């Protein structure tokens, strides 16, 4: 079950592709810390992930693979 802010963040990511947490916060006019919390939840559930440039995007239809430990 998603809350309203989670749904808004997911909708924005679907439209905007790869966005930083700051950009998402500005577009939704909410504090950055609230967006960061939602993004953490979305990452935990496998709905979104962050790349090396700190940009977020949705995970289409599958969970983002877990990071493997270095050998």
PDB file of N, CA and C in Angstrom:
ATOM      1  N   UNK A   1       0.852  -1.178   0.000  1.00  0.00           N
ATOM      2  CA  UNK A   1       0.000   0.000   0.000  1.00  0.00           C
ATOM      3  C   UNK A   1       0.891   1.232   0.000  1.00  0.00           C
ATOM      4  N   UNK A   2       0.674   2.118  -0.935  1.00  0.00           N
ATOM      5  CA  UNK A   2       1.474   3.334  -1.006  1.00  0.00           C
ATOM      6  C   UNK A   2       0.687   4.507  -0.465  1.00  0.00           C
ATOM      7  N   UNK A   3       1.425   5.470   0.100  1.00  0.00           N
ATOM      8  CA  UNK A   3       0.752   6.677   0.548  1.00  0.00           C
ATOM      9  C   UNK A   3       0.734   7.682  -0.595  1.00  0.00           C
ATOM     10  N   UNK A   4       0.149   8.841  -0.377  1.00  0.00           N
ATOM     11  CA  UNK A   4      -0.022   9.829  -1.428  1.00  0.00           C
ATOM     12  C   UNK A   4       1.308  10.336  -1.953  1.00  0.00           C
ATOM     13  N   UNK A   5       2.258  10.640  -1.064  1.00  0.00           N
ATOM     14  CA  UNK A   5       3.546  11.155  -1.515  1.00  0.00           C
ATOM     15  C   UNK A   5       4.301  10.099  -2.319  1.00  0.00           C
ATOM     16  N   UNK A   6       4.233   8.844  -1.912  1.00  0.00           N
ATOM     17  CA  UNK A   6       4.869   7.768  -2.681  1.00  0.00           C
ATOM     18  C   UNK A   6       4.282   7.700  -4.086  1.00  0.00           C
ATOM     19  N   UNK A   7       2.972   7.792  -4.189  1.00  0.00           N
ATOM     20  CA  UNK A   7       2.316   7.751  -5.491  1.00  0.00           C
ATOM     21  C   UNK A   7       2.733   8.939  -6.348  1.00  0.00           C
ATOM     22  N   UNK A   8       2.859  10.122  -5.741  1.00  0.00           N
ATOM     23  CA  UNK A   8       3.272  11.312  -6.484  1.00  0.00           C
ATOM     24  C   UNK A   8       4.713  11.191  -6.964  1.00  0.00           C
ATOM     25  N   UNK A   9       5.592  10.656  -6.114  1.00  0.00           N
ATOM     26  CA  UNK A   9       6.990  10.480  -6.500  1.00  0.00           C
ATOM     27  C   UNK A   9       7.087   9.466  -7.638  1.00  0.00           C
ATOM     28  N   UNK A  10       6.376   8.352  -7.537  1.00  0.00           N
ATOM     29  CA  UNK A  10       6.384   7.354  -8.605  1.00  0.00           C
ATOM     30  C   UNK A  10       5.855   7.934  -9.912  1.00  0.00           C
ATOM     31  N   UNK A  11       4.788   8.716  -9.833  1.00  0.00           N
ATOM     32  CA  UNK A  11       4.229   9.325 -11.042  1.00  0.00           C
ATOM     33  C   UNK A  11       5.226  10.287 -11.673  1.00  0.00           C
ATOM     34  N   UNK A  12       5.920  11.045 -10.850  1.00  0.00           N
ATOM     35  CA  UNK A  12       6.914  11.996 -11.359  1.00  0.00           C
ATOM     36  C   UNK A  12       8.087  11.253 -11.996  1.00  0.00           C
ATOM     37  N   UNK A  13       8.507  10.159 -11.387  1.00  0.00           N
ATOM     38  CA  UNK A  13       9.605   9.380 -11.960  1.00  0.00           C
ATOM     39  C   UNK A  13       9.193   8.737 -13.280  1.00  0.00           C
ATOM     40  N   UNK A  14       7.951   8.319 -13.388  1.00  0.00           N
ATOM     41  CA  UNK A  14       7.478   7.739 -14.647  1.00  0.00           C
ATOM     42  C   UNK A  14       7.510   8.775 -15.760  1.00  0.00           C
ATOM     43  N   UNK A  15       7.171  10.016 -15.427  1.00  0.00           N
ATOM     44  CA  UNK A  15       7.162  11.087 -16.421  1.00  0.00           C
ATOM     45  C   UNK A  15       8.558  11.629 -16.710  1.00  0.00           C
ATOM     46  N   UNK A  16       9.357  11.776 -15.634  1.00  0.00           N
ATOM     47  CA  UNK A  16      10.616  12.482 -15.786  1.00  0.00           C
ATOM     48  C   UNK A  16      11.847  11.637 -15.960  1.00  0.00           C
ATOM     49  N   UNK A  17      11.734  10.334 -15.841  1.00  0.00           N
ATOM     50  CA  UNK A  17      12.923   9.503 -15.992  1.00  0.00           C
ATOM     51  C   UNK A  17      13.837   9.574 -14.793  1.00  0.00           C
ATOM     52  N   UNK A  18      15.074  10.009 -15.003  1.00  0.00           N
ATOM     53  CA  UNK A  18      16.072  10.044 -13.933  1.00  0.00           C
ATOM     54  C   UNK A  18      16.114  11.435 -13.299  1.00  0.00           C
ATOM     55  N   UNK A  19      15.760  11.498 -12.012  1.00  0.00           N
ATOM     56  CA  UNK A  19      15.697  12.774 -11.296  1.00  0.00           C
ATOM     57  C   UNK A  19      16.404  12.660  -9.948  1.00  0.00           C
ATOM     58  N   UNK A  20      17.008  13.756  -9.499  1.00  0.00           N
ATOM     59  CA  UNK A  20      17.610  13.770  -8.169  1.00  0.00           C
ATOM     60  C   UNK A  20      16.521  14.005  -7.127  1.00  0.00           C
ATOM     61  N   UNK A  21      16.837  13.690  -5.882  1.00  0.00           N
ATOM     62  CA  UNK A  21      15.875  13.904  -4.791  1.00  0.00           C
ATOM     63  C   UNK A  21      15.532  15.384  -4.669  1.00  0.00           C
ATOM     64  N   UNK A  22      16.511  16.242  -4.876  1.00  0.00           N
ATOM     65  CA  UNK A  22      16.264  17.686  -4.786  1.00  0.00           C
ATOM     66  C   UNK A  22      15.298  18.154  -5.877  1.00  0.00           C
ATOM     67  N   UNK A  23      15.474  17.647  -7.076  1.00  0.00           N
ATOM     68  CA  UNK A  23      14.574  18.014  -8.172  1.00  0.00           C
ATOM     69  C   UNK A  23      13.152  17.532  -7.898  1.00  0.00           C
ATOM     70  N   UNK A  24      13.030  16.320  -7.390  1.00  0.00           N
ATOM     71  CA  UNK A  24      11.710  15.783  -7.049  1.00  0.00           C
ATOM     72  C   UNK A  24      11.048  16.642  -5.980  1.00  0.00           C
ATOM     73  N   UNK A  25      11.810  17.016  -4.950  1.00  0.00           N
ATOM     74  CA  UNK A  25      11.272  17.846  -3.869  1.00  0.00           C
ATOM     75  C   UNK A  25      10.794  19.192  -4.406  1.00  0.00           C
ATOM     76  N   UNK A  26      11.575  19.797  -5.283  1.00  0.00           N
ATOM     77  CA  UNK A  26      11.176  21.088  -5.868  1.00  0.00           C
ATOM     78  C   UNK A  26       9.915  20.943  -6.703  1.00  0.00           C
ATOM     79  N   UNK A  27       9.843  19.904  -7.520  1.00  0.00           N
ATOM     80  CA  UNK A  27       8.670  19.714  -8.375  1.00  0.00           C
ATOM     81  C   UNK A  27       7.397  19.441  -7.584  1.00  0.00           C
ATOM     82  N   UNK A  28       7.527  18.744  -6.463  1.00  0.00           N
ATOM     83  CA  UNK A  28       6.351  18.417  -5.651  1.00  0.00           C
ATOM     84  C   UNK A  28       6.101  19.439  -4.544  1.00  0.00           C
ATOM     85  N   UNK A  29       7.025  20.378  -4.369  1.00  0.00           N
ATOM     86  CA  UNK A  29       6.923  21.419  -3.341  1.00  0.00           C
ATOM     87  C   UNK A  29       6.782  20.818  -1.935  1.00  0.00           C
ATOM     88  N   UNK A  30       7.676  19.881  -1.650  1.00  0.00           N
ATOM     89  CA  UNK A  30       7.740  19.266  -0.316  1.00  0.00           C
ATOM     90  C   UNK A  30       9.191  19.307   0.157  1.00  0.00           C
ATOM     91  N   UNK A  31       9.421  19.195   1.460  1.00  0.00           N
ATOM     92  CA  UNK A  31      10.802  19.195   1.958  1.00  0.00           C
ATOM     93  C   UNK A  31      11.600  18.006   1.408  1.00  0.00           C
ATOM     94  N   UNK A  32      12.883  18.248   1.186  1.00  0.00           N
ATOM     95  CA  UNK A  32      13.757  17.214   0.626  1.00  0.00           C
ATOM     96  C   UNK A  32      13.817  15.976   1.525  1.00  0.00           C
ATOM     97  N   UNK A  33      13.774  16.173   2.855  1.00  0.00           N
ATOM     98  CA  UNK A  33      13.887  15.031   3.764  1.00  0.00           C
ATOM     99  C   UNK A  33      12.703  14.081   3.602  1.00  0.00           C
ATOM    100  N   UNK A  34      11.508  14.629   3.298  1.00  0.00           N
ATOM    101  CA  UNK A  34      10.343  13.760   3.090  1.00  0.00           C
ATOM    102  C   UNK A  34      10.502  12.939   1.816  1.00  0.00           C
ATOM    103  N   UNK A  35      11.037  13.587   0.762  1.00  0.00           N
ATOM    104  CA  UNK A  35      11.275  12.877  -0.491  1.00  0.00           C
ATOM    105  C   UNK A  35      12.335  11.796  -0.279  1.00  0.00           C
ATOM    106  N   UNK A  36      13.396  12.127   0.461  1.00  0.00           N
ATOM    107  CA  UNK A  36      14.452  11.145   0.726  1.00  0.00           C
ATOM    108  C   UNK A  36      13.886   9.928   1.456  1.00  0.00           C
ATOM    109  N   UNK A  37      12.996  10.152   2.377  1.00  0.00           N
ATOM    110  CA  UNK A  37      12.362   9.047   3.112  1.00  0.00           C
ATOM    111  C   UNK A  37      11.536   8.160   2.185  1.00  0.00           C
ATOM    112  N   UNK A  38      10.761   8.792   1.321  1.00  0.00           N
ATOM    113  CA  UNK A  38       9.939   8.045   0.369  1.00  0.00           C
ATOM    114  C   UNK A  38      10.824   7.259  -0.598  1.00  0.00           C
ATOM    115  N   UNK A  39      11.889   7.898  -1.085  1.00  0.00           N
ATOM    116  CA  UNK A  39      12.787   7.216  -2.011  1.00  0.00           C
ATOM    117  C   UNK A  39      13.456   6.011  -1.351  1.00  0.00           C
ATOM    118  N   UNK A  40      13.800   6.140  -0.082  1.00  0.00           N
ATOM    119  CA  UNK A  40      14.373   5.000   0.642  1.00  0.00           C
ATOM    120  C   UNK A  40      13.359   3.850   0.711  1.00  0.00           C
ATOM    121  N   UNK A  41      12.110   4.181   0.980  1.00  0.00           N
ATOM    122  CA  UNK A  41      11.061   3.160   1.026  1.00  0.00           C
ATOM    123  C   UNK A  41      10.890   2.506  -0.344  1.00  0.00           C
ATOM    124  N   UNK A  42      10.884   3.322  -1.393  1.00  0.00           N
ATOM    125  CA  UNK A  42      10.729   2.783  -2.746  1.00  0.00           C
ATOM    126  C   UNK A  42      11.915   1.908  -3.137  1.00  0.00           C
ATOM    127  N   UNK A  43      13.110   2.274  -2.672  1.00  0.00           N
ATOM    128  CA  UNK A  43      14.288   1.441  -2.946  1.00  0.00           C
ATOM    129  C   UNK A  43      14.175   0.116  -2.201  1.00  0.00           C
ATOM    130  N   UNK A  44      13.718   0.158  -0.962  1.00  0.00           N
ATOM    131  CA  UNK A  44      13.578  -1.044  -0.150  1.00  0.00           C
ATOM    132  C   UNK A  44      12.573  -2.024  -0.764  1.00  0.00           C
ATOM    133  N   UNK A  45      11.500  -1.493  -1.325  1.00  0.00           N
ATOM    134  CA  UNK A  45      10.482  -2.359  -1.922  1.00  0.00           C
ATOM    135  C   UNK A  45      10.814  -2.749  -3.357  1.00  0.00           C
ATOM    136  N   UNK A  46      11.886  -2.183  -3.907  1.00  0.00           N
ATOM    137  CA  UNK A  46      12.300  -2.528  -5.258  1.00  0.00           C
ATOM    138  C   UNK A  46      11.601  -1.744  -6.346  1.00  0.00           C
ATOM    139  N   UNK A  47      10.896  -0.685  -5.994  1.00  0.00           N
ATOM    140  CA  UNK A  47      10.168   0.109  -6.982  1.00  0.00           C
ATOM    141  C   UNK A  47      11.024   1.179  -7.651  1.00  0.00           C
ATOM    142  N   UNK A  48      12.128   1.576  -7.015  1.00  0.00           N
ATOM    143  CA  UNK A  48      12.997   2.613  -7.571  1.00  0.00           C
ATOM    144  C   UNK A  48      14.436   2.331  -7.153  1.00  0.00           C
ATOM    145  N   UNK A  49      15.373   2.897  -7.907  1.00  0.00           N
ATOM    146  CA  UNK A  49      16.779   2.777  -7.542  1.00  0.00           C
ATOM    147  C   UNK A  49      17.537   4.030  -7.947  1.00  0.00           C
ATOM    148  N   UNK A  50      18.717   4.213  -7.368  1.00  0.00           N
ATOM    149  CA  UNK A  50      19.540   5.399  -7.596  1.00  0.00           C
ATOM    150  C   UNK A  50      20.803   4.993  -8.341  1.00  0.00           C
ATOM    151  N   UNK A  51      21.172   5.796  -9.341  1.00  0.00           N
ATOM    152  CA  UNK A  51      22.397   5.507 -10.077  1.00  0.00           C
ATOM    153  C   UNK A  51      23.581   6.249  -9.442  1.00  0.00           C
ATOM    154  N   UNK A  52      24.736   6.161 -10.053  1.00  0.00           N
ATOM    155  CA  UNK A  52      25.943   6.768  -9.477  1.00  0.00           C
ATOM    156  C   UNK A  52      25.922   8.295  -9.481  1.00  0.00           C
ATOM    157  N   UNK A  53      25.090   8.888 -10.311  1.00  0.00           N
ATOM    158  CA  UNK A  53      24.974  10.347 -10.344  1.00  0.00           C
ATOM    159  C   UNK A  53      23.902  10.864  -9.372  1.00  0.00           C
ATOM    160  N   UNK A  54      23.470  10.003  -8.455  1.00  0.00           N
ATOM    161  CA  UNK A  54      22.450  10.330  -7.455  1.00  0.00           C
ATOM    162  C   UNK A  54      21.094  10.631  -8.078  1.00  0.00           C
ATOM    163  N   UNK A  55      20.845  10.070  -9.255  1.00  0.00           N
ATOM    164  CA  UNK A  55      19.562  10.236  -9.925  1.00  0.00           C
ATOM    165  C   UNK A  55      18.717   8.985  -9.681  1.00  0.00           C
ATOM    166  N   UNK A  56      17.432   9.199  -9.476  1.00  0.00           N
ATOM    167  CA  UNK A  56      16.512   8.110  -9.192  1.00  0.00           C
ATOM    168  C   UNK A  56      15.688   7.786 -10.419  1.00  0.00           C
ATOM    169  N   UNK A  57      15.321   6.534 -10.556  1.00  0.00           N
ATOM    170  CA  UNK A  57      14.409   6.104 -11.611  1.00  0.00           C
ATOM    171  C   UNK A  57      13.637   4.898 -11.123  1.00  0.00           C
ATOM    172  N   UNK A  58      12.513   4.641 -11.788  1.00  0.00           N
ATOM    173  CA  UNK A  58      11.693   3.504 -11.372  1.00  0.00           C
ATOM    174  C   UNK A  58      12.283   2.214 -11.916  1.00  0.00           C
ATOM    175  N   UNK A  59      11.975   1.141 -11.251  1.00  0.00           N
ATOM    176  CA  UNK A  59      12.381  -0.188 -11.681  1.00  0.00           C
ATOM    177  C   UNK A  59      11.185  -0.799 -12.392  1.00  0.00           C
ATOM    178  N   UNK A  60      11.223  -0.899 -13.716  1.00  0.00           N
ATOM    179  CA  UNK A  60      10.045  -1.370 -14.444  1.00  0.00           C
ATOM    180  C   UNK A  60       9.787  -2.861 -14.271  1.00  0.00           C
ATOM    181  N   UNK A  61       8.757  -3.188 -13.531  1.00  0.00           N
ATOM    182  CA  UNK A  61       8.279  -4.550 -13.429  1.00  0.00           C
ATOM    183  C   UNK A  61       9.148  -5.556 -12.716  1.00  0.00           C
ATOM    184  N   UNK A  62      10.239  -5.114 -12.127  1.00  0.00           N
ATOM    185  CA  UNK A  62      11.094  -6.065 -11.414  1.00  0.00           C
ATOM    186  C   UNK A  62      11.869  -5.343 -10.327  1.00  0.00           C
ATOM    187  N   UNK A  63      12.327  -6.094  -9.376  1.00  0.00           N
ATOM    188  CA  UNK A  63      13.145  -5.525  -8.310  1.00  0.00           C
ATOM    189  C   UNK A  63      14.539  -5.255  -8.850  1.00  0.00           C
ATOM    190  N   UNK A  64      15.155  -4.189  -8.362  1.00  0.00           N
ATOM    191  CA  UNK A  64      16.532  -3.887  -8.725  1.00  0.00           C
ATOM    192  C   UNK A  64      17.425  -4.941  -8.092  1.00  0.00           C
ATOM    193  N   UNK A  65      18.359  -5.525  -8.833  1.00  0.00           N
ATOM    194  CA  UNK A  65      19.195  -6.582  -8.261  1.00  0.00           C
ATOM    195  C   UNK A  65      20.031  -6.075  -7.098  1.00  0.00           C
ATOM    196  N   UNK A  66      20.183  -6.919  -6.101  1.00  0.00           N
ATOM    197  CA  UNK A  66      20.987  -6.569  -4.939  1.00  0.00           C
ATOM    198  C   UNK A  66      22.452  -6.474  -5.324  1.00  0.00           C
ATOM    199  N   UNK A  67      23.150  -5.539  -4.710  1.00  0.00           N
ATOM    200  CA  UNK A  67      24.573  -5.360  -4.981  1.00  0.00           C
ATOM    201  C   UNK A  67      25.345  -6.564  -4.473  1.00  0.00           C
ATOM    202  N   UNK A  68      26.226  -7.081  -5.288  1.00  0.00           N
ATOM    203  CA  UNK A  68      27.048  -8.233  -4.931  1.00  0.00           C
ATOM    204  C   UNK A  68      28.269  -7.770  -4.149  1.00  0.00           C
ATOM    205  N   UNK A  69      28.693  -8.559  -3.202  1.00  0.00           N
ATOM    206  CA  UNK A  69      29.917  -8.258  -2.455  1.00  0.00           C
ATOM    207  C   UNK A  69      31.126  -8.490  -3.349  1.00  0.00           C
ATOM    208  N   UNK A  70      32.149  -7.657  -3.169  1.00  0.00           N
ATOM    209  CA  UNK A  70      33.379  -7.809  -3.957  1.00  0.00           C
ATOM    210  C   UNK A  70      34.088  -9.087  -3.530  1.00  0.00           C
ATOM    211  N   UNK A  71      34.745  -9.714  -4.484  1.00  0.00           N
ATOM    212  CA  UNK A  71      35.447 -10.957  -4.174  1.00  0.00           C
ATOM    213  C   UNK A  71      36.778 -10.678  -3.545  1.00  0.00           C
TER     214      UNK A  71
END
